[in-house]
PDB file of N, CA and C in Angstrom:
ATOM      1  N   MET A   1      -1.168 -10.963 -10.936  1.00  0.00           N
ATOM      2  CA  MET A   1       0.287 -10.554  -9.932  1.00  0.00           C
ATOM      3  C   MET A   1      -0.070 -10.062  -8.563  1.00  0.00           C
ATOM      4  N   HIS A   2       0.802 -10.462  -7.848  1.00  0.00           N
ATOM      5  CA  HIS A   2       0.872 -10.016  -6.401  1.00  0.00           C
ATOM      6  C   HIS A   2       1.973  -8.970  -6.071  1.00  0.00           C
ATOM      7  N   SER A   3       2.123  -7.510  -5.695  1.00  0.00           N
ATOM      8  CA  SER A   3       2.968  -7.019  -5.651  1.00  0.00           C
ATOM      9  C   SER A   3       3.158  -6.493  -3.797  1.00  0.00           C
ATOM     10  N   LEU A   4       4.506  -6.613  -3.140  1.00  0.00           N
ATOM     11  CA  LEU A   4       4.586  -5.904  -2.432  1.00  0.00           C
ATOM     12  C   LEU A   4       4.843  -4.452  -1.775  1.00  0.00           C
ATOM     13  N   ILE A   5       4.137  -3.598  -1.368  1.00  0.00           N
ATOM     14  CA  ILE A   5       4.962  -2.190  -1.236  1.00  0.00           C
ATOM     15  C   ILE A   5       5.185  -2.087  -0.343  1.00  0.00           C
ATOM     16  N   ILE A   6       6.797  -1.653   0.830  1.00  0.00           N
ATOM     17  CA  ILE A   6       7.270  -1.299   0.993  1.00  0.00           C
ATOM     18  C   ILE A   6       7.533   0.151   1.676  1.00  0.00           C
ATOM     19  N   GLY A   7       6.819   0.681   2.480  1.00  0.00           N
ATOM     20  CA  GLY A   7       6.573   1.945   2.823  1.00  0.00           C
ATOM     21  C   GLY A   7       5.144   2.684   1.992  1.00  0.00           C
ATOM     22  N   GLY A   8       4.822   3.425   2.930  1.00  0.00           N
ATOM     23  CA  GLY A   8       3.684   4.172   2.219  1.00  0.00           C
ATOM     24  C   GLY A   8       3.374   5.788   2.188  1.00  0.00           C
ATOM     25  N   GLY A   9       5.059   5.994   1.837  1.00  0.00           N
ATOM     26  CA  GLY A   9       4.861   7.419   1.720  1.00  0.00           C
ATOM     27  C   GLY A   9       4.372   7.774  -0.038  1.00  0.00           C
ATOM     28  N   LYS A  10       4.793   9.469  -0.140  1.00  0.00           N
ATOM     29  CA  LYS A  10       4.102   9.833  -1.213  1.00  0.00           C
ATOM     30  C   LYS A  10       4.129   8.726  -2.767  1.00  0.00           C
ATOM     31  N   ILE A  11       6.114   8.374  -2.513  1.00  0.00           N
ATOM     32  CA  ILE A  11       5.676   7.675  -3.517  1.00  0.00           C
ATOM     33  C   ILE A  11       5.184   6.192  -3.340  1.00  0.00           C
ATOM     34  N   GLY A  12       5.465   5.353  -2.416  1.00  0.00           N
ATOM     35  CA  GLY A  12       4.386   4.015  -2.377  1.00  0.00           C
ATOM     36  C   GLY A  12       2.862   4.332  -2.720  1.00  0.00           C
ATOM     37  N   TYR A  13       2.597   5.154  -2.304  1.00  0.00           N
ATOM     38  CA  TYR A  13       0.978   5.553  -2.415  1.00  0.00           C
ATOM     39  C   TYR A  13       0.572   5.324  -3.641  1.00  0.00           C
ATOM     40  N   TYR A  14       1.386   6.140  -4.500  1.00  0.00           N
ATOM     41  CA  TYR A  14       1.315   6.755  -6.343  1.00  0.00           C
ATOM     42  C   TYR A  14       1.465   5.371  -7.084  1.00  0.00           C
ATOM     43  N   LEU A  15       2.820   4.519  -6.455  1.00  0.00           N
ATOM     44  CA  LEU A  15       2.985   3.410  -7.020  1.00  0.00           C
ATOM     45  C   LEU A  15       1.786   2.464  -6.982  1.00  0.00           C
ATOM     46  N   THR A  16       1.451   1.890  -5.897  1.00  0.00           N
ATOM     47  CA  THR A  16       0.663   1.155  -5.310  1.00  0.00           C
ATOM     48  C   THR A  16      -0.878   2.025  -6.163  1.00  0.00           C
ATOM     49  N   LYS A  17      -0.991   2.680  -6.123  1.00  0.00           N
ATOM     50  CA  LYS A  17      -2.183   3.312  -7.289  1.00  0.00           C
ATOM     51  C   LYS A  17      -2.329   2.926  -8.417  1.00  0.00           C
ATOM     52  N   VAL A  18      -0.978   3.143  -9.106  1.00  0.00           N
ATOM     53  CA  VAL A  18      -0.328   2.794 -10.418  1.00  0.00           C
ATOM     54  C   VAL A  18      -0.891   1.137 -10.782  1.00  0.00           C
ATOM     55  N   LEU A  19      -0.078   0.403  -9.797  1.00  0.00           N
ATOM     56  CA  LEU A  19       0.170  -1.193  -9.927  1.00  0.00           C
ATOM     57  C   LEU A  19      -1.684  -1.736 -10.279  1.00  0.00           C
ATOM     58  N   ILE A  20      -2.691  -0.909  -8.991  1.00  0.00           N
ATOM     59  CA  ILE A  20      -3.705  -1.587  -8.958  1.00  0.00           C
ATOM     60  C   ILE A  20      -4.653  -1.360 -10.265  1.00  0.00           C
ATOM     61  N   GLU A  21      -4.535   0.042 -10.862  1.00  0.00           N
ATOM     62  CA  GLU A  21      -5.053   0.701 -12.010  1.00  0.00           C
ATOM     63  C   GLU A  21      -4.391  -0.502 -13.175  1.00  0.00           C
ATOM     64  N   LYS A  22      -3.406  -1.111 -13.075  1.00  0.00           N
ATOM     65  CA  LYS A  22      -2.916  -2.208 -13.956  1.00  0.00           C
ATOM     66  C   LYS A  22      -3.642  -3.519 -13.596  1.00  0.00           C
ATOM     67  N   GLY A  23      -4.260  -3.976 -12.436  1.00  0.00           N
ATOM     68  CA  GLY A  23      -4.750  -4.845 -12.529  1.00  0.00           C
ATOM     69  C   GLY A  23      -4.004  -5.816 -11.398  1.00  0.00           C
ATOM     70  N   TYR A  24      -2.784  -5.103 -10.950  1.00  0.00           N
ATOM     71  CA  TYR A  24      -2.177  -6.070 -10.048  1.00  0.00           C
ATOM     72  C   TYR A  24      -2.857  -6.199  -8.658  1.00  0.00           C
ATOM     73  N   ASP A  25      -2.675  -7.413  -7.540  1.00  0.00           N
ATOM     74  CA  ASP A  25      -2.948  -7.439  -6.379  1.00  0.00           C
ATOM     75  C   ASP A  25      -2.062  -6.642  -5.464  1.00  0.00           C
ATOM     76  N   VAL A  26      -2.364  -5.810  -4.915  1.00  0.00           N
ATOM     77  CA  VAL A  26      -0.806  -5.290  -4.149  1.00  0.00           C
ATOM     78  C   VAL A  26      -1.513  -4.887  -2.688  1.00  0.00           C
ATOM     79  N   SER A  27      -0.132  -5.506  -1.641  1.00  0.00           N
ATOM     80  CA  SER A  27      -0.608  -5.226  -0.610  1.00  0.00           C
ATOM     81  C   SER A  27       0.753  -4.060   0.337  1.00  0.00           C
ATOM     82  N   VAL A  28       1.000  -3.373   1.067  1.00  0.00           N
ATOM     83  CA  VAL A  28       1.704  -2.663   1.645  1.00  0.00           C
ATOM     84  C   VAL A  28       2.351  -3.211   3.287  1.00  0.00           C
ATOM     85  N   VAL A  29       3.658  -2.488   3.337  1.00  0.00           N
ATOM     86  CA  VAL A  29       4.013  -2.859   4.603  1.00  0.00           C
ATOM     87  C   VAL A  29       4.222  -1.301   5.180  1.00  0.00           C
ATOM     88  N   GLU A  30       3.784  -0.869   6.205  1.00  0.00           N
ATOM     89  CA  GLU A  30       3.650   0.433   6.503  1.00  0.00           C
ATOM     90  C   GLU A  30       3.828   0.443   8.343  1.00  0.00           C
ATOM     91  N   LYS A  31       4.747   1.443   8.810  1.00  0.00           N
ATOM     92  CA  LYS A  31       4.716   1.403  10.213  1.00  0.00           C
ATOM     93  C   LYS A  31       4.382   2.087  11.013  1.00  0.00           C
ATOM     94  N   GLU A  32       3.775   3.836  10.115  1.00  0.00           N
ATOM     95  CA  GLU A  32       2.672   4.407  10.648  1.00  0.00           C
ATOM     96  C   GLU A  32       1.264   3.836  10.887  1.00  0.00           C
ATOM     97  N   LYS A  33       0.526   4.221  11.540  1.00  0.00           N
ATOM     98  CA  LYS A  33      -0.759   3.863  12.135  1.00  0.00           C
ATOM     99  C   LYS A  33      -1.812   4.585  11.017  1.00  0.00           C
ATOM    100  N   ASP A  34      -1.684   5.482  11.045  1.00  0.00           N
ATOM    101  CA  ASP A  34      -2.448   6.715  10.186  1.00  0.00           C
ATOM    102  C   ASP A  34      -2.505   6.576   8.928  1.00  0.00           C
ATOM    103  N   ALA A  35      -0.578   6.273   8.225  1.00  0.00           N
ATOM    104  CA  ALA A  35      -0.870   5.949   6.797  1.00  0.00           C
ATOM    105  C   ALA A  35      -1.778   4.281   6.559  1.00  0.00           C
ATOM    106  N   CYS A  36      -1.707   3.557   7.303  1.00  0.00           N
ATOM    107  CA  CYS A  36      -1.802   2.296   7.185  1.00  0.00           C
ATOM    108  C   CYS A  36      -3.641   2.344   6.786  1.00  0.00           C
ATOM    109  N   GLN A  37      -4.021   3.242   7.701  1.00  0.00           N
ATOM    110  CA  GLN A  37      -5.276   3.599   8.033  1.00  0.00           C
ATOM    111  C   GLN A  37      -5.920   4.133   6.369  1.00  0.00           C
ATOM    112  N   LYS A  38      -5.058   4.805   6.137  1.00  0.00           N
ATOM    113  CA  LYS A  38      -5.207   5.872   4.870  1.00  0.00           C
ATOM    114  C   LYS A  38      -5.006   4.833   3.400  1.00  0.00           C
ATOM    115  N   PHE A  39      -4.378   3.868   3.780  1.00  0.00           N
ATOM    116  CA  PHE A  39      -4.283   2.954   2.471  1.00  0.00           C
ATOM    117  C   PHE A  39      -5.333   2.152   2.787  1.00  0.00           C
ATOM    118  N   ALA A  40      -5.778   1.356   3.490  1.00  0.00           N
ATOM    119  CA  ALA A  40      -6.711   0.362   3.665  1.00  0.00           C
ATOM    120  C   ALA A  40      -8.162   0.875   3.172  1.00  0.00           C
ATOM    121  N   ASN A  41      -8.537   2.132   3.821  1.00  0.00           N
ATOM    122  CA  ASN A  41      -9.445   2.813   3.385  1.00  0.00           C
ATOM    123  C   ASN A  41      -9.567   3.417   1.751  1.00  0.00           C
ATOM    124  N   ASP A  42      -8.225   4.323   1.647  1.00  0.00           N
ATOM    125  CA  ASP A  42      -8.580   4.647   0.238  1.00  0.00           C
ATOM    126  C   ASP A  42      -8.808   3.780  -0.934  1.00  0.00           C
ATOM    127  N   LEU A  43      -7.599   2.687  -0.726  1.00  0.00           N
ATOM    128  CA  LEU A  43      -7.343   1.814  -1.759  1.00  0.00           C
ATOM    129  C   LEU A  43      -8.334   0.106  -1.752  1.00  0.00           C
ATOM    130  N   ASN A  44      -8.646  -0.010  -0.450  1.00  0.00           N
ATOM    131  CA  ASN A  44      -9.320  -1.249  -0.133  1.00  0.00           C
ATOM    132  C   ASN A  44      -8.345  -2.277  -0.288  1.00  0.00           C
ATOM    133  N   ILE A  45      -7.059  -2.260   0.037  1.00  0.00           N
ATOM    134  CA  ILE A  45      -6.122  -3.175   0.437  1.00  0.00           C
ATOM    135  C   ILE A  45      -5.447  -3.458   1.380  1.00  0.00           C
ATOM    136  N   THR A  46      -4.718  -4.735   1.426  1.00  0.00           N
ATOM    137  CA  THR A  46      -3.905  -5.666   2.469  1.00  0.00           C
ATOM    138  C   THR A  46      -3.104  -4.502   3.202  1.00  0.00           C
ATOM    139  N   VAL A  47      -2.928  -3.992   4.382  1.00  0.00           N
ATOM    140  CA  VAL A  47      -2.196  -3.266   4.602  1.00  0.00           C
ATOM    141  C   VAL A  47      -1.406  -4.059   6.174  1.00  0.00           C
ATOM    142  N   ILE A  48      -0.081  -3.853   5.814  1.00  0.00           N
ATOM    143  CA  ILE A  48       0.735  -4.671   7.500  1.00  0.00           C
ATOM    144  C   ILE A  48       1.363  -3.810   8.188  1.00  0.00           C
ATOM    145  N   LYS A  49       1.035  -3.672   9.404  1.00  0.00           N
ATOM    146  CA  LYS A  49       1.896  -2.857   9.948  1.00  0.00           C
ATOM    147  C   LYS A  49       2.662  -3.378  10.731  1.00  0.00           C
ATOM    148  N   GLY A  50       3.897  -2.744   9.848  1.00  0.00           N
ATOM    149  CA  GLY A  50       5.395  -3.013  10.651  1.00  0.00           C
ATOM    150  C   GLY A  50       6.096  -2.411   9.957  1.00  0.00           C
ATOM    151  N   ASP A  51       7.873  -2.518  10.349  1.00  0.00           N
ATOM    152  CA  ASP A  51       8.759  -1.933   9.642  1.00  0.00           C
ATOM    153  C   ASP A  51       9.432  -3.299   8.365  1.00  0.00           C
ATOM    154  N   GLY A  52       9.462  -2.639   7.220  1.00  0.00           N
ATOM    155  CA  GLY A  52       9.862  -3.672   6.431  1.00  0.00           C
ATOM    156  C   GLY A  52      11.238  -3.304   5.844  1.00  0.00           C
TER     157      GLY A  52
END
């Protein structure tokens, strides 16, 4: 199953990690460049830079 998380704050980051651990494919939409890089580097997922 695939999930799309809108927003990469503390809750978005935690939720993304939990879903990955449960076997979901996760993508994140985040508007801040630094947060996009953190998600991509730390979690090895697809990150879309934009406003959700």
